[in-house]
PDB file of N, CA and C in Angstrom:
ATOM      1  N   MET A   1     109.022 133.642 128.519  1.00  0.00           N
ATOM      2  CA  MET A   1     109.896 132.649 127.935  1.00  0.00           C
ATOM      3  C   MET A   1     109.867 131.355 128.741  1.00  0.00           C
ATOM      4  N   LEU A   2     109.825 131.455 130.037  1.00  0.00           N
ATOM      5  CA  LEU A   2     109.801 130.279 130.891  1.00  0.00           C
ATOM      6  C   LEU A   2     108.492 129.507 130.734  1.00  0.00           C
ATOM      7  N   GLU A   3     107.382 130.249 130.568  1.00  0.00           N
ATOM      8  CA  GLU A   3     106.097 129.581 130.377  1.00  0.00           C
ATOM      9  C   GLU A   3     106.079 128.807 129.060  1.00  0.00           C
ATOM     10  N   PHE A   4     106.646 129.386 128.018  1.00  0.00           N
ATOM     11  CA  PHE A   4     106.697 128.686 126.726  1.00  0.00           C
ATOM     12  C   PHE A   4     107.554 127.435 126.815  1.00  0.00           C
ATOM     13  N   ALA A   5     108.681 127.504 127.514  1.00  0.00           N
ATOM     14  CA  ALA A   5     109.556 126.346 127.674  1.00  0.00           C
ATOM     15  C   ALA A   5     108.849 125.230 128.439  1.00  0.00           C
ATOM     16  N   GLY A   6     108.000 125.581 129.378  1.00  0.00           N
ATOM     17  CA  GLY A   6     107.244 124.569 130.113  1.00  0.00           C
ATOM     18  C   GLY A   6     106.109 123.986 129.295  1.00  0.00           C
ATOM     19  N   PHE A   7     105.560 124.769 128.392  1.00  0.00           N
ATOM     20  CA  PHE A   7     104.419 124.318 127.584  1.00  0.00           C
ATOM     21  C   PHE A   7     104.861 123.556 126.337  1.00  0.00           C
ATOM     22  N   LEU A   8     106.084 123.749 125.898  1.00  0.00           N
ATOM     23  CA  LEU A   8     106.580 123.141 124.660  1.00  0.00           C
ATOM     24  C   LEU A   8     106.496 121.610 124.646  1.00  0.00           C
ATOM     25  N   PRO A   9     106.872 120.903 125.696  1.00  0.00           N
ATOM     26  CA  PRO A   9     106.747 119.438 125.650  1.00  0.00           C
ATOM     27  C   PRO A   9     105.305 118.970 125.477  1.00  0.00           C
ATOM     28  N   ILE A  10     104.372 119.653 126.100  1.00  0.00           N
ATOM     29  CA  ILE A  10     102.961 119.286 125.954  1.00  0.00           C
ATOM     30  C   ILE A  10     102.499 119.548 124.530  1.00  0.00           C
ATOM     31  N   LEU A  11     102.912 120.656 123.961  1.00  0.00           N
ATOM     32  CA  LEU A  11     102.554 120.980 122.585  1.00  0.00           C
ATOM     33  C   LEU A  11     103.112 119.946 121.605  1.00  0.00           C
ATOM     34  N   LEU A  12     104.355 119.544 121.813  1.00  0.00           N
ATOM     35  CA  LEU A  12     104.960 118.519 120.956  1.00  0.00           C
ATOM     36  C   LEU A  12     104.247 117.183 121.099  1.00  0.00           C
ATOM     37  N   LEU A  13     103.863 116.824 122.301  1.00  0.00           N
ATOM     38  CA  LEU A  13     103.158 115.570 122.531  1.00  0.00           C
ATOM     39  C   LEU A  13     101.796 115.567 121.838  1.00  0.00           C
ATOM     40  N   VAL A  14     101.083 116.669 121.910  1.00  0.00           N
ATOM     41  CA  VAL A  14      99.786 116.777 121.233  1.00  0.00           C
ATOM     42  C   VAL A  14      99.970 116.692 119.715  1.00  0.00           C
ATOM     43  N   GLY A  15     101.003 117.341 119.201  1.00  0.00           N
ATOM     44  CA  GLY A  15     101.276 117.270 117.761  1.00  0.00           C
ATOM     45  C   GLY A  15     101.610 115.853 117.303  1.00  0.00           C
ATOM     46  N   LEU A  16     102.442 115.159 118.059  1.00  0.00           N
ATOM     47  CA  LEU A  16     102.773 113.775 117.706  1.00  0.00           C
ATOM     48  C   LEU A  16     101.553 112.857 117.803  1.00  0.00           C
ATOM     49  N   ALA A  17     100.694 113.096 118.788  1.00  0.00           N
ATOM     50  CA  ALA A  17      99.473 112.298 118.916  1.00  0.00           C
ATOM     51  C   ALA A  17      98.549 112.526 117.722  1.00  0.00           C
ATOM     52  N   ALA A  18      98.469 113.746 117.233  1.00  0.00           N
ATOM     53  CA  ALA A  18      97.650 114.035 116.053  1.00  0.00           C
ATOM     54  C   ALA A  18      98.213 113.335 114.816  1.00  0.00           C
ATOM     55  N   ILE A  19      99.525 113.347 114.669  1.00  0.00           N
ATOM     56  CA  ILE A  19     100.144 112.647 113.532  1.00  0.00           C
ATOM     57  C   ILE A  19      99.923 111.145 113.656  1.00  0.00           C
ATOM     58  N   GLN A  20     100.002 110.597 114.879  1.00  0.00           N
ATOM     59  CA  GLN A  20      99.766 109.169 115.091  1.00  0.00           C
ATOM     60  C   GLN A  20      98.339 108.800 114.702  1.00  0.00           C
ATOM     61  N   LEU A  21      97.392 109.638 115.044  1.00  0.00           N
ATOM     62  CA  LEU A  21      96.002 109.393 114.668  1.00  0.00           C
ATOM     63  C   LEU A  21      95.845 109.393 113.148  1.00  0.00           C
ATOM     64  N   GLY A  22      96.569 110.284 112.484  1.00  0.00           N
ATOM     65  CA  GLY A  22      96.559 110.292 111.022  1.00  0.00           C
ATOM     66  C   GLY A  22      97.149 109.017 110.442  1.00  0.00           C
ATOM     67  N   LEU A  23      98.183 108.478 111.062  1.00  0.00           N
ATOM     68  CA  LEU A  23      98.767 107.208 110.605  1.00  0.00           C
ATOM     69  C   LEU A  23      97.787 106.047 110.752  1.00  0.00           C
ATOM     70  N   VAL A  24      96.996 106.068 111.810  1.00  0.00           N
ATOM     71  CA  VAL A  24      95.978 105.026 111.987  1.00  0.00           C
ATOM     72  C   VAL A  24      94.951 105.112 110.862  1.00  0.00           C
ATOM     73  N   GLY A  25      94.492 106.310 110.552  1.00  0.00           N
ATOM     74  CA  GLY A  25      93.530 106.488 109.462  1.00  0.00           C
ATOM     75  C   GLY A  25      94.109 106.108 108.114  1.00  0.00           C
ATOM     76  N   TYR A  26      95.354 106.469 107.872  1.00  0.00           N
ATOM     77  CA  TYR A  26      96.018 106.120 106.612  1.00  0.00           C
ATOM     78  C   TYR A  26      96.161 104.610 106.479  1.00  0.00           C
ATOM     79  N   SER A  27      96.525 103.940 107.565  1.00  0.00           N
ATOM     80  CA  SER A  27      96.660 102.481 107.537  1.00  0.00           C
ATOM     81  C   SER A  27      95.315 101.812 107.271  1.00  0.00           C
ATOM     82  N   ALA A  28      94.250 102.338 107.870  1.00  0.00           N
ATOM     83  CA  ALA A  28      92.918 101.786 107.632  1.00  0.00           C
ATOM     84  C   ALA A  28      92.496 101.973 106.177  1.00  0.00           C
ATOM     85  N   ASN A  29      92.812 103.128 105.602  1.00  0.00           N
ATOM     86  CA  ASN A  29      92.505 103.394 104.199  1.00  0.00           C
ATOM     87  C   ASN A  29      93.260 102.420 103.291  1.00  0.00           C
ATOM     88  N   GLN A  30      94.546 102.230 103.558  1.00  0.00           N
ATOM     89  CA  GLN A  30      95.354 101.326 102.746  1.00  0.00           C
ATOM     90  C   GLN A  30      94.873  99.884 102.883  1.00  0.00           C
ATOM     91  N   ALA A  31      94.454  99.486 104.086  1.00  0.00           N
ATOM     92  CA  ALA A  31      93.940  98.132 104.291  1.00  0.00           C
ATOM     93  C   ALA A  31      92.653  97.916 103.496  1.00  0.00           C
ATOM     94  N   GLY A  32      91.781  98.902 103.468  1.00  0.00           N
ATOM     95  CA  GLY A  32      90.546  98.787 102.693  1.00  0.00           C
ATOM     96  C   GLY A  32      90.815  98.686 101.205  1.00  0.00           C
ATOM     97  N   SER A  33      91.736  99.490 100.704  1.00  0.00           N
ATOM     98  CA  SER A  33      92.088  99.430  99.279  1.00  0.00           C
ATOM     99  C   SER A  33      92.688  98.077  98.919  1.00  0.00           C
ATOM    100  N   ALA A  34      93.570  97.581  99.769  1.00  0.00           N
ATOM    101  CA  ALA A  34      94.194  96.284  99.504  1.00  0.00           C
ATOM    102  C   ALA A  34      93.175  95.153  99.558  1.00  0.00           C
ATOM    103  N   ALA A  35      92.231  95.224 100.496  1.00  0.00           N
ATOM    104  CA  ALA A  35      91.210  94.180 100.603  1.00  0.00           C
ATOM    105  C   ALA A  35      90.324  94.156  99.360  1.00  0.00           C
ATOM    106  N   ARG A  36      89.918  95.319  98.875  1.00  0.00           N
ATOM    107  CA  ARG A  36      89.081  95.358  97.671  1.00  0.00           C
ATOM    108  C   ARG A  36      89.835  94.836  96.451  1.00  0.00           C
ATOM    109  N   ALA A  37      91.094  95.231  96.299  1.00  0.00           N
ATOM    110  CA  ALA A  37      91.883  94.773  95.154  1.00  0.00           C
ATOM    111  C   ALA A  37      92.124  93.271  95.222  1.00  0.00           C
ATOM    112  N   ALA A  38      92.430  92.765  96.410  1.00  0.00           N
ATOM    113  CA  ALA A  38      92.687  91.338  96.563  1.00  0.00           C
ATOM    114  C   ALA A  38      91.426  90.516  96.303  1.00  0.00           C
ATOM    115  N   ALA A  39      90.286  90.956  96.815  1.00  0.00           N
ATOM    116  CA  ALA A  39      89.037  90.213  96.611  1.00  0.00           C
ATOM    117  C   ALA A  39      88.605  90.250  95.144  1.00  0.00           C
ATOM    118  N   ARG A  40      88.745  91.404  94.507  1.00  0.00           N
ATOM    119  CA  ARG A  40      88.360  91.525  93.097  1.00  0.00           C
ATOM    120  C   ARG A  40      89.233  90.634  92.216  1.00  0.00           C
ATOM    121  N   THR A  41      90.543  90.667  92.446  1.00  0.00           N
ATOM    122  CA  THR A  41      91.462  89.887  91.628  1.00  0.00           C
ATOM    123  C   THR A  41      91.317  88.391  91.889  1.00  0.00           C
ATOM    124  N   ALA A  42      91.166  88.001  93.151  1.00  0.00           N
ATOM    125  CA  ALA A  42      90.985  86.584  93.473  1.00  0.00           C
ATOM    126  C   ALA A  42      89.657  86.063  92.919  1.00  0.00           C
ATOM    127  N   GLY A  43      88.636  86.910  92.870  1.00  0.00           N
ATOM    128  CA  GLY A  43      87.351  86.513  92.298  1.00  0.00           C
ATOM    129  C   GLY A  43      87.421  86.277  90.803  1.00  0.00           C
ATOM    130  N   GLN A  44      88.440  86.832  90.154  1.00  0.00           N
ATOM    131  CA  GLN A  44      88.642  86.615  88.720  1.00  0.00           C
ATOM    132  C   GLN A  44      89.558  85.434  88.443  1.00  0.00           C
ATOM    133  N   GLY A  45      90.038  84.790  89.514  1.00  0.00           N
ATOM    134  CA  GLY A  45      90.865  83.612  89.349  1.00  0.00           C
ATOM    135  C   GLY A  45      92.356  83.885  89.376  1.00  0.00           C
ATOM    136  N   ASP A  46      92.765  85.112  89.639  1.00  0.00           N
ATOM    137  CA  ASP A  46      94.190  85.445  89.700  1.00  0.00           C
ATOM    138  C   ASP A  46      94.664  85.441  91.153  1.00  0.00           C
ATOM    139  N   ASP A  47      95.937  85.806  91.359  1.00  0.00           N
ATOM    140  CA  ASP A  47      96.517  85.838  92.694  1.00  0.00           C
ATOM    141  C   ASP A  47      96.088  87.118  93.410  1.00  0.00           C
ATOM    142  N   GLY A  48      95.140  87.004  94.309  1.00  0.00           N
ATOM    143  CA  GLY A  48      94.632  88.164  95.025  1.00  0.00           C
ATOM    144  C   GLY A  48      95.628  88.737  96.009  1.00  0.00           C
ATOM    145  N   THR A  49      96.483  87.895  96.561  1.00  0.00           N
ATOM    146  CA  THR A  49      97.456  88.379  97.536  1.00  0.00           C
ATOM    147  C   THR A  49      98.428  89.363  96.898  1.00  0.00           C
ATOM    148  N   ALA A  50      98.924  89.033  95.724  1.00  0.00           N
ATOM    149  CA  ALA A  50      99.852  89.927  95.028  1.00  0.00           C
ATOM    150  C   ALA A  50      99.173  91.241  94.663  1.00  0.00           C
ATOM    151  N   ALA A  51      97.920  91.184  94.247  1.00  0.00           N
ATOM    152  CA  ALA A  51      97.185  92.401  93.901  1.00  0.00           C
ATOM    153  C   ALA A  51      96.950  93.265  95.141  1.00  0.00           C
ATOM    154  N   GLY A  52      96.703  92.631  96.269  1.00  0.00           N
ATOM    155  CA  GLY A  52      96.510  93.379  97.508  1.00  0.00           C
ATOM    156  C   GLY A  52      97.765  94.123  97.925  1.00  0.00           C
ATOM    157  N   TYR A  53      98.916  93.436  97.851  1.00  0.00           N
ATOM    158  CA  TYR A  53     100.173  94.103  98.186  1.00  0.00           C
ATOM    159  C   TYR A  53     100.492  95.224  97.196  1.00  0.00           C
ATOM    160  N   ALA A  54     100.151  95.035  95.930  1.00  0.00           N
ATOM    161  CA  ALA A  54     100.430  96.060  94.920  1.00  0.00           C
ATOM    162  C   ALA A  54      99.550  97.299  95.128  1.00  0.00           C
ATOM    163  N   ALA A  55      98.377  97.132  95.712  1.00  0.00           N
ATOM    164  CA  ALA A  55      97.462  98.254  95.918  1.00  0.00           C
ATOM    165  C   ALA A  55      97.814  99.085  97.152  1.00  0.00           C
ATOM    166  N   MET A  56      98.762  98.611  97.958  1.00  0.00           N
ATOM    167  CA  MET A  56      99.127  99.295  99.202  1.00  0.00           C
ATOM    168  C   MET A  56     100.432 100.060  99.062  1.00  0.00           C
ATOM    169  N   ASP A  57     100.654 100.949 100.015  1.00  0.00           N
ATOM    170  CA  ASP A  57     101.939 101.623 100.147  1.00  0.00           C
ATOM    171  C   ASP A  57     102.979 100.581 100.553  1.00  0.00           C
ATOM    172  N   GLY A  58     104.119 100.581  99.884  1.00  0.00           N
ATOM    173  CA  GLY A  58     105.147  99.583 100.146  1.00  0.00           C
ATOM    174  C   GLY A  58     105.799  99.709 101.507  1.00  0.00           C
ATOM    175  N   GLY A  59     105.629 100.821 102.182  1.00  0.00           N
ATOM    176  CA  GLY A  59     106.239 101.014 103.487  1.00  0.00           C
ATOM    177  C   GLY A  59     105.461 100.411 104.638  1.00  0.00           C
ATOM    178  N   LEU A  60     104.275  99.900 104.381  1.00  0.00           N
ATOM    179  CA  LEU A  60     103.454  99.312 105.434  1.00  0.00           C
ATOM    180  C   LEU A  60     103.622  97.795 105.448  1.00  0.00           C
ATOM    181  N   THR A  61     103.535  97.216 106.632  1.00  0.00           N
ATOM    182  CA  THR A  61     103.599  95.767 106.792  1.00  0.00           C
ATOM    183  C   THR A  61     102.181  95.235 106.894  1.00  0.00           C
ATOM    184  N   ALA A  62     101.869  94.194 106.105  1.00  0.00           N
ATOM    185  CA  ALA A  62     100.500  93.688 106.082  1.00  0.00           C
ATOM    186  C   ALA A  62     100.479  92.178 105.949  1.00  0.00           C
ATOM    187  N   GLU A  63      99.339  91.622 106.329  1.00  0.00           N
ATOM    188  CA  GLU A  63      99.048  90.198 106.131  1.00  0.00           C
ATOM    189  C   GLU A  63      97.757  90.119 105.329  1.00  0.00           C
ATOM    190  N   ILE A  64      97.783  89.422 104.195  1.00  0.00           N
ATOM    191  CA  ILE A  64      96.620  89.343 103.313  1.00  0.00           C
ATOM    192  C   ILE A  64      96.231  87.884 103.139  1.00  0.00           C
ATOM    193  N   THR A  65      94.960  87.587 103.353  1.00  0.00           N
ATOM    194  CA  THR A  65      94.433  86.243 103.114  1.00  0.00           C
ATOM    195  C   THR A  65      93.171  86.356 102.278  1.00  0.00           C
ATOM    196  N   THR A  66      92.960  85.389 101.406  1.00  0.00           N
ATOM    197  CA  THR A  66      91.739  85.334 100.602  1.00  0.00           C
ATOM    198  C   THR A  66      91.089  83.975 100.807  1.00  0.00           C
ATOM    199  N   SER A  67      89.765  83.953 100.715  1.00  0.00           N
ATOM    200  CA  SER A  67      89.030  82.698 100.829  1.00  0.00           C
ATOM    201  C   SER A  67      87.891  82.685  99.816  1.00  0.00           C
ATOM    202  N   ASP A  68      87.775  81.583  99.114  1.00  0.00           N
ATOM    203  CA  ASP A  68      86.722  81.406  98.110  1.00  0.00           C
ATOM    204  C   ASP A  68      85.514  80.792  98.798  1.00  0.00           C
ATOM    205  N   ASN A  69      84.371  81.466  98.707  1.00  0.00           N
ATOM    206  CA  ASN A  69      83.148  81.007  99.366  1.00  0.00           C
ATOM    207  C   ASN A  69      82.097  80.552  98.362  1.00  0.00           C
ATOM    208  N   GLY A  70      82.517  80.011  97.244  1.00  0.00           N
ATOM    209  CA  GLY A  70      81.579  79.571  96.220  1.00  0.00           C
ATOM    210  C   GLY A  70      81.287  80.670  95.223  1.00  0.00           C
ATOM    211  N   ASP A  71      80.268  81.474  95.471  1.00  0.00           N
ATOM    212  CA  ASP A  71      79.891  82.562  94.567  1.00  0.00           C
ATOM    213  C   ASP A  71      80.657  83.846  94.841  1.00  0.00           C
ATOM    214  N   THR A  72      81.286  83.929  95.992  1.00  0.00           N
ATOM    215  CA  THR A  72      82.010  85.143  96.359  1.00  0.00           C
ATOM    216  C   THR A  72      83.416  84.808  96.856  1.00  0.00           C
ATOM    217  N   THR A  73      84.256  85.814  96.851  1.00  0.00           N
ATOM    218  CA  THR A  73      85.603  85.703  97.413  1.00  0.00           C
ATOM    219  C   THR A  73      85.764  86.810  98.446  1.00  0.00           C
ATOM    220  N   THR A  74      86.287  86.447  99.612  1.00  0.00           N
ATOM    221  CA  THR A  74      86.506  87.407 100.687  1.00  0.00           C
ATOM    222  C   THR A  74      87.998  87.550 100.927  1.00  0.00           C
ATOM    223  N   ALA A  75      88.458  88.785 101.005  1.00  0.00           N
ATOM    224  CA  ALA A  75      89.854  89.087 101.320  1.00  0.00           C
ATOM    225  C   ALA A  75      89.901  89.806 102.657  1.00  0.00           C
ATOM    226  N   THR A  76      90.840  89.389 103.496  1.00  0.00           N
ATOM    227  CA  THR A  76      91.057  90.014 104.794  1.00  0.00           C
ATOM    228  C   THR A  76      92.475  90.557 104.829  1.00  0.00           C
ATOM    229  N   VAL A  77      92.596  91.830 105.168  1.00  0.00           N
ATOM    230  CA  VAL A  77      93.906  92.484 105.210  1.00  0.00           C
ATOM    231  C   VAL A  77      94.108  93.061 106.608  1.00  0.00           C
ATOM    232  N   LYS A  78      95.237  92.707 107.217  1.00  0.00           N
ATOM    233  CA  LYS A  78      95.618  93.233 108.526  1.00  0.00           C
ATOM    234  C   LYS A  78      96.893  94.044 108.339  1.00  0.00           C
ATOM    235  N   VAL A  79      96.805  95.351 108.574  1.00  0.00           N
ATOM    236  CA  VAL A  79      97.942  96.260 108.396  1.00  0.00           C
ATOM    237  C   VAL A  79      98.449  96.680 109.772  1.00  0.00           C
ATOM    238  N   HIS A  80      99.741  96.569 109.977  1.00  0.00           N
ATOM    239  CA  HIS A  80     100.370  97.002 111.222  1.00  0.00           C
ATOM    240  C   HIS A  80     100.628  98.508 111.142  1.00  0.00           C
ATOM    241  N   VAL A  81     100.125  99.245 112.129  1.00  0.00           N
ATOM    242  CA  VAL A  81     100.226 100.702 112.138  1.00  0.00           C
ATOM    243  C   VAL A  81     101.601 101.107 112.669  1.00  0.00           C
ATOM    244  N   PRO A  82     102.345 101.914 111.911  1.00  0.00           N
ATOM    245  CA  PRO A  82     103.622 102.412 112.438  1.00  0.00           C
ATOM    246  C   PRO A  82     103.370 103.407 113.572  1.00  0.00           C
ATOM    247  N   THR A  83     104.255 103.408 114.565  1.00  0.00           N
ATOM    248  CA  THR A  83     104.068 104.301 115.705  1.00  0.00           C
ATOM    249  C   THR A  83     105.173 105.352 115.771  1.00  0.00           C
ATOM    250  N   LEU A  84     104.788 106.531 116.199  1.00  0.00           N
ATOM    251  CA  LEU A  84     105.727 107.640 116.384  1.00  0.00           C
ATOM    252  C   LEU A  84     106.100 107.843 117.843  1.00  0.00           C
ATOM    253  N   LEU A  85     105.163 107.582 118.716  1.00  0.00           N
ATOM    254  CA  LEU A  85     105.369 107.853 120.133  1.00  0.00           C
ATOM    255  C   LEU A  85     106.144 106.695 120.772  1.00  0.00           C
ATOM    256  N   PRO A  86     107.283 106.961 121.371  1.00  0.00           N
ATOM    257  CA  PRO A  86     108.129 105.871 121.870  1.00  0.00           C
ATOM    258  C   PRO A  86     107.547 105.123 123.063  1.00  0.00           C
ATOM    259  N   PHE A  87     106.668 105.733 123.820  1.00  0.00           N
ATOM    260  CA  PHE A  87     106.126 105.084 125.012  1.00  0.00           C
ATOM    261  C   PHE A  87     104.764 104.438 124.776  1.00  0.00           C
ATOM    262  N   VAL A  88     104.318 104.393 123.528  1.00  0.00           N
ATOM    263  CA  VAL A  88     103.033 103.801 123.178  1.00  0.00           C
ATOM    264  C   VAL A  88     103.265 102.387 122.668  1.00  0.00           C
ATOM    265  N   ASP A  89     102.356 101.483 123.016  1.00  0.00           N
ATOM    266  CA  ASP A  89     102.437 100.096 122.550  1.00  0.00           C
ATOM    267  C   ASP A  89     102.511 100.076 121.028  1.00  0.00           C
ATOM    268  N   SER A  90     103.501  99.410 120.481  1.00  0.00           N
ATOM    269  CA  SER A  90     103.728  99.445 119.035  1.00  0.00           C
ATOM    270  C   SER A  90     103.072  98.277 118.305  1.00  0.00           C
ATOM    271  N   ASP A  91     102.158  97.577 118.933  1.00  0.00           N
ATOM    272  CA  ASP A  91     101.512  96.425 118.298  1.00  0.00           C
ATOM    273  C   ASP A  91     100.101  96.784 117.837  1.00  0.00           C
ATOM    274  N   TRP A  92      99.941  97.959 117.242  1.00  0.00           N
ATOM    275  CA  TRP A  92      98.644  98.381 116.722  1.00  0.00           C
ATOM    276  C   TRP A  92      98.463  97.813 115.329  1.00  0.00           C
ATOM    277  N   SER A  93      97.234  97.444 115.004  1.00  0.00           N
ATOM    278  CA  SER A  93      96.936  96.995 113.646  1.00  0.00           C
ATOM    279  C   SER A  93      95.473  97.314 113.338  1.00  0.00           C
ATOM    280  N   VAL A  94      95.182  97.430 112.054  1.00  0.00           N
ATOM    281  CA  VAL A  94      93.813  97.615 111.586  1.00  0.00           C
ATOM    282  C   VAL A  94      93.506  96.494 110.605  1.00  0.00           C
ATOM    283  N   THR A  95      92.283  96.007 110.633  1.00  0.00           N
ATOM    284  CA  THR A  95      91.870  94.899 109.769  1.00  0.00           C
ATOM    285  C   THR A  95      90.662  95.330 108.955  1.00  0.00           C
ATOM    286  N   ARG A  96      90.697  95.040 107.682  1.00  0.00           N
ATOM    287  CA  ARG A  96      89.573  95.319 106.790  1.00  0.00           C
ATOM    288  C   ARG A  96      89.268  94.074 105.967  1.00  0.00           C
ATOM    289  N   LYS A  97      87.986  93.878 105.683  1.00  0.00           N
ATOM    290  CA  LYS A  97      87.535  92.761 104.844  1.00  0.00           C
ATOM    291  C   LYS A  97      86.755  93.309 103.662  1.00  0.00           C
ATOM    292  N   ALA A  98      86.843  92.601 102.551  1.00  0.00           N
ATOM    293  CA  ALA A  98      86.055  92.953 101.370  1.00  0.00           C
ATOM    294  C   ALA A  98      85.593  91.664 100.715  1.00  0.00           C
ATOM    295  N   THR A  99      84.370  91.661 100.225  1.00  0.00           N
ATOM    296  CA  THR A  99      83.807  90.503  99.543  1.00  0.00           C
ATOM    297  C   THR A  99      83.369  90.931  98.150  1.00  0.00           C
ATOM    298  N   MET A 100      83.799  90.173  97.157  1.00  0.00           N
ATOM    299  CA  MET A 100      83.457  90.455  95.762  1.00  0.00           C
ATOM    300  C   MET A 100      82.888  89.185  95.128  1.00  0.00           C
ATOM    301  N   PRO A 101      81.994  89.343  94.146  1.00  0.00           N
ATOM    302  CA  PRO A 101      81.461  88.160  93.452  1.00  0.00           C
ATOM    303  C   PRO A 101      82.524  87.544  92.568  1.00  0.00           C
ATOM    304  N   ASN A 102      82.470  86.217  92.441  1.00  0.00           N
ATOM    305  CA  ASN A 102      83.379  85.514  91.538  1.00  0.00           C
ATOM    306  C   ASN A 102      82.880  85.646  90.103  1.00  0.00           C
ATOM    307  N   ASP A 103      83.815  85.701  89.161  1.00  0.00           N
ATOM    308  CA  ASP A 103      83.449  85.697  87.749  1.00  0.00           C
ATOM    309  C   ASP A 103      82.914  84.324  87.393  1.00  0.00           C
ATOM    310  N   ASP A 104      81.845  84.315  86.623  1.00  0.00           N
ATOM    311  CA  ASP A 104      81.249  83.051  86.198  1.00  0.00           C
ATOM    312  C   ASP A 104      81.819  82.707  84.836  1.00  0.00           C
ATOM    313  N   THR A 105      82.952  82.030  84.802  1.00  0.00           N
ATOM    314  CA  THR A 105      83.633  81.719  83.540  1.00  0.00           C
ATOM    315  C   THR A 105      83.043  80.500  82.839  1.00  0.00           C
ATOM    316  N   GLU A 106      82.222  79.717  83.541  1.00  0.00           N
ATOM    317  CA  GLU A 106      81.669  78.498  82.943  1.00  0.00           C
ATOM    318  C   GLU A 106      80.528  78.795  81.983  1.00  0.00           C
ATOM    319  N   GLN A 107      79.845  79.932  82.138  1.00  0.00           N
ATOM    320  CA  GLN A 107      78.720  80.251  81.272  1.00  0.00           C
ATOM    321  C   GLN A 107      79.078  81.210  80.167  1.00  0.00           C
ATOM    322  N   GLY A 108      80.348  81.610  80.086  1.00  0.00           N
ATOM    323  CA  GLY A 108      80.751  82.558  79.046  1.00  0.00           C
ATOM    324  C   GLY A 108      80.589  81.946  77.677  1.00  0.00           C
ATOM    325  N   GLY A 109      80.098  82.748  76.735  1.00  0.00           N
ATOM    326  CA  GLY A 109      79.779  82.155  75.469  1.00  0.00           C
ATOM    327  C   GLY A 109      80.548  82.695  74.399  1.00  0.00           C
TER     328      GLY A 109
END
């Protein structure tokens, strides 16, 4: 019983670290989805920022920017990773970029 009581804090710490790693992966996945949605929508001439936020989980904090590069539109999404461990730096973020071709509306017939 005493050995288990001594090992329990280490076991809990390892479990929380595994969950934190999962949160990093989830945030990266959400950032990629938001970047693709924002770039696709902005390339069609609509508001890519709103589409990027709509494609993400509402519980995550993100910064979305789009830039028109002539034939393509690039969206950059920076998602702040939530932290579980109280002694870990809480300023983690993941950034994803996506580039999509712009719709050619001038040649539509």
